[in-house]
Amino acid sequence: MAAETDENSSTLSPEAAFAVLGNETRFTILQTLWELYEPDDPANVVKFSDLYDSEDTVTFSDLYDRVGYGDSGNFNYHLEKLVGHFVRRTEDGYELTQAGLEIAQAVIAGTVRECPSIDTATIDEGCPRCGAPIVSDYENHHLAVSCSRCSGIWQDSTGEHGVLFTLPFPPTGLSGRTAEEAFHATLAYNLNRIRSFIDGVCPNCSSAVEESLDVCTTHEPGDEGGCPRCNRQHAIEVSEICRQCKTVARGPLTIAILAAPVVTAFYYDHGVEHRFASWETFRRAQTVDEEILETDPLRVRLTVTVEGDTLRLTLDETLNVVDIVRGTSNSAQ
C-alpha cells in the first residue's frame, strides 16, 4: 500500500461529524468509495497495516467523474472536508477510512434509509413457558416475538401481555430470509452483541461499558402477567451501557449467566451442546432459578438444572461469581 500523505486522522466531536456529513455531495462521495470497496481485498482485512497493496484507491479525476459533480473546485472542497477522518488520501488516490466505511455500512444496512416491515408470522417454536405457538412481527427495525396464548415474559408499557422479546435487527437482515430464518438471525445477532457487552466491550464502538443490576426486591409475578412493580417475570435484570456511543442492552440475568464458561461446561458434561447465540439460550434461561440471598451487599444465586443435576452460582453486585456448587436438584440448600 502506498504511504499515507496525510497526517493521522483527526478526531471529530459528534457535532463536527454531523456537520461534515450533513451534505448530499459528501454522502455521495462516501457511497462512491464504498461501491469501489472490495471486501475480498486482503488490504481491507488488515486496513492501513501496509502488509498488502490496496486495490481500492481511486484518483481525484476518476472519483470526480464517478460522482458526477459539475464544479471540480467545489467538489474538491467537499472532498477535503472528508479527508482525514472519513476518507484517506494516499499517493495513489482516495479510499475510505474505517470511520467512513462504518458510516457507509450504516446507510447500506438500512438503519438510516429504510423502514421495512414484514407480515406477522407464526414461528415453528414453542413458547418456553407454555409450549404454545409463538408469533413474530417486524416494525421500526425491531423484531417482536410473542406467545399466542400465555402472558409471556414481559408486560409492555401498554399493558399488553404475551411479549417474549423485542430486539433490534437491521433491515437488510430480512433480505433473502424467511420469517423463521429472520427470527433465528435476530437472536444470533443480539446474543453475540450481548456476549461482547458481558466481556466489557461495546459492540458498536469498542469502548468500555458500565454494567449494573436492576433487582426487584418485592417481586411478585402473576400467571396473567409480569410483576406489578417491574412488569416482568424475572426479578433480576442486567443493564449494559456504553457512555461513549450510548448503546444500551438490558435483559434477564438468567440469560447473561448462560454465557459463562462454567455453564457451557455443565451442559457439555450432560451431553448437551450449548450455543449461547441461539433460541435455546432464551428457552433455557426461563428454567434458570434466581434467588436474592442478600441485599447489602448484594448476593444472588442462579441455579441451572440438567437431568436432575444442579449448578448453583452465587454472584455479587459486580456480577462476579463468588461461589460454585454442583449437586442434585434435591440437594440441601
Protein backbone atom coordinates (compact mmCIF):
# COMPACT_ATOMS: atom_id res chain seq x y z
CA MET A 1 0.00 0.00 0.00
CA ALA A 2 1.28 3.45 -0.78
CA ALA A 3 2.43 5.58 2.12
CA GLU A 4 -0.16 7.90 3.59
CA THR A 5 0.46 11.51 2.76
CA ASP A 6 -1.97 12.99 5.32
CA GLU A 7 -1.33 13.40 8.98
CA ASN A 8 -3.02 10.94 11.28
CA SER A 9 -6.79 11.01 11.02
CA SER A 10 -8.28 13.80 13.07
CA THR A 11 -10.64 13.31 15.95
CA LEU A 12 -14.04 14.86 15.42
CA SER A 13 -16.58 15.80 18.03
CA PRO A 14 -20.11 14.46 17.38
CA GLU A 15 -21.22 17.96 16.42
CA ALA A 16 -18.38 18.34 13.91
CA ALA A 17 -19.00 14.88 12.45
CA PHE A 18 -22.69 15.63 11.89
CA ALA A 19 -21.77 18.96 10.29
CA VAL A 20 -19.29 17.32 7.91
CA LEU A 21 -21.74 14.60 6.87
CA GLY A 22 -24.75 16.89 6.58
CA ASN A 23 -24.25 17.38 2.86
CA GLU A 24 -25.58 15.29 -0.04
CA THR A 25 -22.38 15.57 -2.10
CA ARG A 26 -20.22 14.28 0.74
CA PHE A 27 -22.54 11.33 1.28
CA THR A 28 -22.35 10.62 -2.44
CA ILE A 29 -18.55 10.62 -2.23
CA LEU A 30 -18.66 8.13 0.63
CA GLN A 31 -21.15 5.96 -1.25
CA THR A 32 -18.99 6.01 -4.38
CA LEU A 33 -15.89 4.98 -2.44
CA TRP A 34 -17.92 2.26 -0.71
CA GLU A 35 -19.04 0.91 -4.11
CA LEU A 36 -15.37 0.62 -5.06
CA TYR A 37 -14.50 -1.06 -1.76
CA GLU A 38 -13.68 -4.75 -2.29
CA PRO A 39 -14.11 -6.93 0.83
CA ASP A 40 -12.04 -9.68 -0.85
CA ASP A 41 -9.02 -7.37 -0.99
CA PRO A 42 -6.67 -8.59 1.80
CA ALA A 43 -5.58 -4.99 2.39
CA ASN A 44 -9.08 -4.35 3.78
CA VAL A 45 -8.79 -7.14 6.33
CA VAL A 46 -5.75 -5.51 7.93
CA LYS A 47 -6.54 -1.99 6.81
CA PHE A 48 -3.71 0.56 6.93
CA SER A 49 -1.17 -2.01 8.12
CA ASP A 50 0.85 -1.73 4.89
CA LEU A 51 1.03 -5.52 4.67
CA TYR A 52 -0.80 -5.50 1.33
CA ASP A 53 -1.17 -3.15 -1.60
CA SER A 54 -4.70 -1.79 -1.72
CA GLU A 55 -6.75 -2.00 -4.90
CA ASP A 56 -9.49 0.32 -3.66
CA THR A 57 -7.85 3.72 -4.11
CA VAL A 58 -9.29 6.00 -6.79
CA THR A 59 -7.75 9.10 -8.31
CA PHE A 60 -9.28 12.54 -7.89
CA SER A 61 -10.35 12.73 -11.56
CA ASP A 62 -11.90 9.26 -11.52
CA LEU A 63 -13.76 9.97 -8.29
CA TYR A 64 -14.93 13.32 -9.68
CA ASP A 65 -16.25 11.62 -12.83
CA ARG A 66 -17.99 8.86 -10.89
CA VAL A 67 -19.75 11.26 -8.52
CA GLY A 68 -20.81 13.40 -11.48
CA TYR A 69 -20.39 16.76 -9.76
CA GLY A 70 -20.36 19.79 -12.07
CA ASP A 71 -17.78 22.04 -10.39
CA SER A 72 -14.35 20.50 -9.75
CA GLY A 73 -13.31 23.27 -7.38
CA ASN A 74 -16.42 22.93 -5.25
CA PHE A 75 -16.14 19.12 -5.44
CA ASN A 76 -12.59 19.33 -4.09
CA TYR A 77 -13.87 21.50 -1.23
CA HIS A 78 -16.37 18.81 -0.19
CA LEU A 79 -13.81 16.03 -0.61
CA GLU A 80 -11.30 17.84 1.60
CA LYS A 81 -13.94 18.10 4.33
CA LEU A 82 -14.00 14.31 4.41
CA VAL A 83 -10.25 13.74 4.19
CA GLY A 84 -8.56 12.86 7.47
CA HIS A 85 -11.46 11.20 9.23
CA PHE A 86 -13.84 9.60 6.72
CA VAL A 87 -11.59 9.48 3.66
CA ARG A 88 -7.89 8.63 3.43
CA ARG A 89 -5.67 10.29 0.83
CA THR A 90 -2.62 8.35 -0.37
CA GLU A 91 -0.10 8.81 -3.17
CA ASP A 92 -2.37 6.69 -5.39
CA GLY A 93 -5.64 8.43 -4.65
CA TYR A 94 -8.51 8.22 -2.17
CA GLU A 95 -10.15 5.46 -0.16
CA LEU A 96 -12.44 5.09 2.84
CA THR A 97 -11.10 5.14 6.37
CA GLN A 98 -12.62 2.73 8.88
CA ALA A 99 -14.91 5.52 10.10
CA GLY A 100 -16.02 6.26 6.53
CA LEU A 101 -16.65 2.58 5.90
CA GLU A 102 -18.78 2.28 9.02
CA ILE A 103 -20.86 5.32 8.02
CA ALA A 104 -21.45 3.78 4.57
CA GLN A 105 -22.29 0.42 6.11
CA ALA A 106 -24.85 2.04 8.41
CA VAL A 107 -26.56 3.60 5.40
CA ILE A 108 -26.41 0.40 3.35
CA ALA A 109 -27.68 -1.63 6.32
CA GLY A 110 -30.83 0.44 6.08
CA THR A 111 -30.71 1.93 9.55
CA VAL A 112 -31.00 5.45 8.15
CA ARG A 113 -32.66 4.94 4.78
CA GLU A 114 -35.28 2.21 5.08
CA CYS A 115 -38.13 1.30 7.39
CA PRO A 116 -39.37 -2.05 6.04
CA SER A 117 -41.94 -4.29 7.62
CA ILE A 118 -42.78 -7.97 7.26
CA ASP A 119 -46.05 -9.73 7.79
CA THR A 120 -46.85 -11.24 11.15
CA ALA A 121 -45.84 -14.90 11.08
CA THR A 122 -46.13 -17.98 13.26
CA ILE A 123 -42.73 -19.45 14.13
CA ASP A 124 -42.19 -23.20 14.39
CA GLU A 125 -41.01 -22.98 18.00
CA GLY A 126 -43.00 -23.41 21.19
CA CYS A 127 -43.28 -20.79 23.92
CA PRO A 128 -40.75 -21.63 26.66
CA ARG A 129 -43.42 -21.06 29.29
CA CYS A 130 -46.47 -22.88 27.92
CA GLY A 131 -45.44 -24.56 24.66
CA ALA A 132 -47.98 -22.68 22.53
CA PRO A 133 -47.03 -21.34 19.06
CA ILE A 134 -45.10 -18.07 19.04
CA VAL A 135 -45.65 -15.17 16.67
CA SER A 136 -43.14 -12.69 15.21
CA ASP A 137 -43.68 -9.21 13.83
CA TYR A 138 -41.15 -6.73 12.44
CA GLU A 139 -41.59 -2.99 12.77
CA ASN A 140 -39.37 0.04 13.39
CA HIS A 141 -36.20 -2.05 12.91
CA HIS A 142 -37.20 -4.41 15.74
CA LEU A 143 -38.41 -7.99 15.76
CA ALA A 144 -41.09 -8.57 18.37
CA VAL A 145 -41.92 -12.14 19.39
CA SER A 146 -44.95 -13.01 21.50
CA CYS A 147 -46.74 -16.08 22.77
CA SER A 148 -50.07 -16.78 21.15
CA ARG A 149 -51.58 -17.97 24.42
CA CYS A 150 -49.83 -17.15 27.73
CA SER A 151 -48.65 -13.94 29.37
CA GLY A 152 -45.08 -14.32 28.08
CA ILE A 153 -42.05 -12.87 29.85
CA TRP A 154 -42.87 -9.15 29.88
CA GLN A 155 -45.91 -6.97 30.15
CA ASP A 156 -45.26 -3.98 27.92
CA SER A 157 -45.99 -0.35 28.77
CA THR A 158 -49.43 -0.51 27.15
CA GLY A 159 -50.47 -3.38 29.40
CA GLU A 160 -50.28 -5.96 26.62
CA HIS A 161 -49.35 -9.49 27.67
CA GLY A 162 -47.55 -12.24 25.82
CA VAL A 163 -44.27 -10.49 24.98
CA LEU A 164 -41.27 -12.85 24.86
CA PHE A 165 -38.74 -10.40 23.45
CA THR A 166 -38.37 -7.31 21.30
CA LEU A 167 -34.89 -6.98 19.78
CA PRO A 168 -33.29 -4.66 17.21
CA PHE A 169 -32.42 -6.11 13.81
CA PRO A 170 -31.05 -4.15 10.81
CA PRO A 171 -33.49 -4.11 7.86
CA THR A 172 -31.05 -5.73 5.44
CA GLY A 173 -31.06 -8.77 7.71
CA LEU A 174 -34.51 -9.53 6.32
CA SER A 175 -33.19 -9.84 2.76
CA GLY A 176 -33.39 -13.38 1.45
CA ARG A 177 -34.68 -14.74 4.77
CA THR A 178 -37.99 -16.28 5.69
CA ALA A 179 -39.74 -15.09 8.84
CA GLU A 180 -38.38 -18.11 10.71
CA GLU A 181 -34.83 -17.51 9.46
CA ALA A 182 -35.10 -13.84 10.47
CA PHE A 183 -36.25 -14.98 13.93
CA HIS A 184 -33.13 -17.11 14.48
CA ALA A 185 -30.85 -14.50 12.89
CA THR A 186 -32.22 -11.81 15.24
CA LEU A 187 -31.36 -13.93 18.27
CA ALA A 188 -27.87 -14.74 16.96
CA TYR A 189 -27.22 -11.07 16.13
CA ASN A 190 -28.31 -9.79 19.54
CA LEU A 191 -26.89 -12.53 21.74
CA ASN A 192 -23.49 -12.15 20.08
CA ARG A 193 -23.69 -8.43 20.86
CA ILE A 194 -24.72 -9.21 24.45
CA ARG A 195 -21.72 -11.53 24.80
CA SER A 196 -19.50 -8.60 23.79
CA PHE A 197 -21.18 -6.43 26.44
CA ILE A 198 -20.63 -9.15 29.04
CA ASP A 199 -16.93 -9.13 28.12
CA GLY A 200 -16.89 -5.38 28.81
CA VAL A 201 -16.59 -4.21 25.20
CA CYS A 202 -19.24 -2.13 23.42
CA PRO A 203 -20.20 -3.99 20.22
CA ASN A 204 -20.71 -0.69 18.40
CA CYS A 205 -17.69 1.46 19.27
CA SER A 206 -15.45 -0.88 21.35
CA SER A 207 -15.48 1.44 24.40
CA ALA A 208 -15.64 0.13 27.95
CA VAL A 209 -19.17 -0.44 29.23
CA GLU A 210 -20.92 0.02 32.55
CA GLU A 211 -22.72 -3.00 33.97
CA SER A 212 -25.32 -2.89 36.71
CA LEU A 213 -28.19 -4.93 38.12
CA ASP A 214 -31.82 -3.91 38.41
CA VAL A 215 -33.25 -6.03 41.23
CA CYS A 216 -36.96 -6.15 42.01
CA THR A 217 -36.85 -6.85 45.75
CA THR A 218 -40.65 -7.14 46.05
CA HIS A 219 -41.03 -9.37 43.03
CA GLU A 220 -44.49 -10.93 42.64
CA PRO A 221 -45.14 -12.04 39.05
CA GLY A 222 -48.58 -13.46 38.37
CA ASP A 223 -49.91 -16.06 35.99
CA GLU A 224 -51.67 -13.37 33.96
CA GLY A 225 -48.70 -11.04 33.52
CA GLY A 226 -45.49 -9.64 34.90
CA CYS A 227 -44.81 -8.27 38.35
CA PRO A 228 -46.91 -5.13 39.04
CA ARG A 229 -43.73 -3.29 40.07
CA CYS A 230 -41.32 -4.22 37.25
CA ASN A 231 -43.66 -5.57 34.52
CA ARG A 232 -41.56 -8.72 34.03
CA GLN A 233 -41.42 -12.35 35.08
CA HIS A 234 -37.74 -12.28 36.09
CA ALA A 235 -36.65 -10.46 39.24
CA ILE A 236 -33.10 -9.55 38.24
CA GLU A 237 -32.21 -7.68 35.08
CA VAL A 238 -28.75 -6.73 33.77
CA SER A 239 -28.15 -3.30 32.28
CA GLU A 240 -25.18 -2.72 29.94
CA ILE A 241 -24.46 0.87 28.90
CA CYS A 242 -21.77 2.45 26.73
CA ARG A 243 -21.43 6.11 27.68
CA GLN A 244 -19.42 6.91 24.55
CA CYS A 245 -21.94 5.97 21.82
CA LYS A 246 -24.96 5.47 24.13
CA THR A 247 -25.53 1.87 23.07
CA VAL A 248 -27.54 0.01 25.69
CA ALA A 249 -28.71 -3.53 26.34
CA ARG A 250 -30.97 -4.87 29.07
CA GLY A 251 -32.11 -8.37 29.75
CA PRO A 252 -32.64 -11.09 32.34
CA LEU A 253 -29.63 -12.15 34.38
CA THR A 254 -30.76 -15.70 33.68
CA ILE A 255 -29.80 -15.15 30.03
CA ALA A 256 -26.48 -13.44 30.74
CA ILE A 257 -25.31 -16.24 33.06
CA LEU A 258 -25.69 -18.76 30.24
CA ALA A 259 -22.65 -17.16 28.55
CA ALA A 260 -20.42 -18.25 31.45
CA PRO A 261 -17.90 -20.99 30.53
CA VAL A 262 -18.79 -22.96 33.66
CA VAL A 263 -22.39 -23.19 32.45
CA THR A 264 -21.33 -24.31 28.97
CA ALA A 265 -19.13 -26.98 30.58
CA PHE A 266 -22.01 -28.09 32.82
CA TYR A 267 -24.26 -28.63 29.81
CA TYR A 268 -21.43 -30.38 27.94
CA ASP A 269 -20.93 -32.80 30.84
CA HIS A 270 -24.55 -33.83 30.32
CA GLY A 271 -24.16 -34.32 26.57
CA VAL A 272 -25.79 -31.00 25.65
CA GLU A 273 -24.15 -28.72 23.09
CA HIS A 274 -24.90 -25.25 24.43
CA ARG A 275 -24.57 -22.47 21.86
CA PHE A 276 -25.14 -19.12 23.53
CA ALA A 277 -26.22 -17.18 20.42
CA SER A 278 -29.33 -19.26 19.82
CA TRP A 279 -33.01 -19.70 20.63
CA GLU A 280 -32.00 -22.49 23.02
CA THR A 281 -30.34 -19.92 25.28
CA PHE A 282 -33.53 -17.90 25.51
CA ARG A 283 -35.56 -21.07 26.13
CA ARG A 284 -33.16 -22.46 28.77
CA ALA A 285 -32.99 -19.10 30.55
CA GLN A 286 -36.65 -19.50 31.52
CA THR A 287 -35.75 -22.64 33.51
CA VAL A 288 -32.92 -21.00 35.49
CA ASP A 289 -33.99 -20.30 39.07
CA GLU A 290 -32.99 -16.95 40.57
CA GLU A 291 -32.83 -16.10 44.25
CA ILE A 292 -31.84 -12.96 46.13
CA LEU A 293 -29.72 -14.10 49.08
CA GLU A 294 -28.70 -10.69 50.45
CA THR A 295 -29.31 -7.08 49.51
CA ASP A 296 -26.44 -5.34 51.37
CA PRO A 297 -24.07 -6.36 50.00
CA LEU A 298 -25.99 -7.86 47.11
CA ARG A 299 -25.72 -11.61 46.66
CA VAL A 300 -27.84 -13.52 44.18
CA ARG A 301 -27.91 -17.19 43.34
CA LEU A 302 -28.79 -18.71 39.99
CA THR A 303 -29.46 -22.43 39.65
CA VAL A 304 -29.15 -24.30 36.36
CA THR A 305 -30.67 -27.78 36.30
CA VAL A 306 -29.97 -30.55 33.78
CA GLU A 307 -31.26 -34.11 34.20
CA GLY A 308 -31.67 -33.71 37.95
CA ASP A 309 -28.18 -32.27 38.47
CA THR A 310 -27.77 -28.66 39.54
CA LEU A 311 -25.19 -25.95 39.12
CA ARG A 312 -25.59 -23.18 41.71
CA LEU A 313 -23.75 -19.93 41.07
CA THR A 314 -23.59 -17.13 43.64
CA LEU A 315 -22.85 -13.67 42.24
CA ASP A 316 -22.01 -10.36 43.88
CA GLU A 317 -23.13 -6.88 42.84
CA THR A 318 -20.40 -6.70 40.17
CA LEU A 319 -21.64 -9.97 38.62
CA ASN A 320 -18.51 -11.84 39.70
CA VAL A 321 -19.13 -15.49 40.54
CA VAL A 322 -18.09 -15.88 44.19
CA ASP A 323 -19.27 -19.45 44.77
CA ILE A 324 -19.97 -22.52 42.62
CA VAL A 325 -21.74 -25.63 43.92
CA ARG A 326 -22.65 -28.69 41.87
CA GLY A 327 -25.18 -31.19 43.20
CA THR A 328 -28.56 -32.73 42.54
CA SER A 329 -31.86 -30.91 42.32
CA ASN A 330 -32.88 -32.18 45.75
CA SER A 331 -29.56 -31.34 47.42
CA ALA A 332 -29.67 -29.33 50.61
CA GLN A 333 -29.72 -25.59 50.11
